[in-house]
Protein backbone atom coordinates (compact mmCIF):
# COMPACT_ATOMS: atom_id res chain seq x y z
CA MET A 1 -11.12 -12.67 9.32
CA GLU A 2 -12.00 -9.66 11.44
CA CYS A 3 -11.21 -5.99 10.79
CA ILE A 4 -8.75 -4.56 13.31
CA HIS A 5 -10.49 -1.17 13.12
CA CYS A 6 -14.20 -1.94 13.47
CA LYS A 7 -14.37 -5.73 13.95
CA GLY A 8 -16.28 -6.07 10.67
CA ARG A 9 -15.85 -9.02 8.31
CA LEU A 10 -12.97 -8.99 5.80
CA GLU A 11 -13.40 -10.25 2.24
CA ARG A 12 -10.74 -10.86 -0.39
CA SER A 13 -10.88 -8.02 -2.90
CA ALA A 14 -8.70 -5.25 -4.32
CA ALA A 15 -7.84 -1.89 -2.82
CA PRO A 16 -6.00 1.23 -3.93
CA PHE A 17 -2.72 2.31 -2.36
CA SER A 18 -1.03 5.70 -2.57
CA ILE A 19 1.92 7.33 -0.86
CA ASP A 20 3.62 10.73 -0.95
CA ARG A 21 7.28 10.25 -0.14
CA HIS A 22 10.59 12.06 -0.73
CA GLY A 23 9.12 14.37 -3.33
CA TYR A 24 7.24 11.81 -5.38
CA GLN A 25 3.81 10.21 -5.31
CA VAL A 26 3.04 6.58 -6.11
CA ARG A 27 -0.46 5.24 -6.73
CA ARG A 28 -1.54 1.70 -7.40
CA HIS A 29 -5.22 1.33 -8.14
CA ALA A 30 -5.98 -2.36 -7.58
CA ASN A 31 -3.85 -4.26 -5.08
CA PRO A 32 -4.96 -7.64 -3.74
CA ALA A 33 -6.15 -7.11 -0.17
CA TRP A 34 -8.59 -8.09 2.51
CA VAL A 35 -11.21 -5.32 2.63
CA CYS A 36 -13.66 -4.73 5.48
CA THR A 37 -17.31 -5.02 4.47
CA GLN A 38 -18.24 -2.33 7.06
CA CYS A 39 -15.55 0.39 7.06
CA HIS A 40 -13.81 -0.58 3.77
CA GLU A 41 -10.37 -0.43 5.39
CA PRO A 42 -7.89 -2.62 3.46
CA LEU A 43 -5.53 -5.11 5.04
CA PHE A 44 -2.57 -6.09 2.89
CA GLU A 45 -0.81 -9.41 3.40
CA ALA A 46 3.00 -9.56 3.61
CA ARG A 47 3.45 -10.57 -0.03
CA GLU A 48 1.40 -7.57 -1.23
CA VAL A 49 3.34 -5.24 1.07
CA GLU A 50 6.59 -6.56 -0.40
CA PHE A 51 5.21 -6.13 -3.93
CA ILE A 52 4.39 -2.48 -3.10
CA GLN A 53 7.68 -1.88 -1.24
CA GLN A 54 10.07 -3.08 -3.96
CA PRO A 55 9.40 -0.25 -6.45
CA LEU A 56 9.41 2.28 -3.57
CA ASP A 57 12.90 1.13 -2.58
CA THR A 58 14.03 1.55 -6.19
CA LEU A 59 12.54 5.05 -6.39
CA ASP A 60 14.19 6.01 -3.08
CA ARG A 61 17.57 4.80 -4.33
CA GLN A 62 17.22 6.59 -7.68
CA SER A 63 16.04 9.80 -6.00
CA ALA A 64 19.03 9.71 -3.66
CA GLU A 65 21.39 9.23 -6.62
CA LEU A 66 19.87 12.27 -8.31
CA GLY A 67 20.10 14.29 -5.11
CA VAL A 68 16.32 14.71 -4.96
CA ALA A 69 15.61 12.81 -1.73
CA GLY A 70 14.89 15.00 1.22
């Protein structure tokens, strides 16, 4: 596979993910991903994106229930 940023070669590896959203921060340190051997940019497949998104949806819902979401 080819990196969409620099056209380098992608290898299966793990990559961190973090997001600041609605007053909270979520970090995951080792997510399965394709990582560029040149620029180190990760590419997450759909199943990894869904795995990351599910807890974010739960946090959004709980934050809204508490009146914290902004």
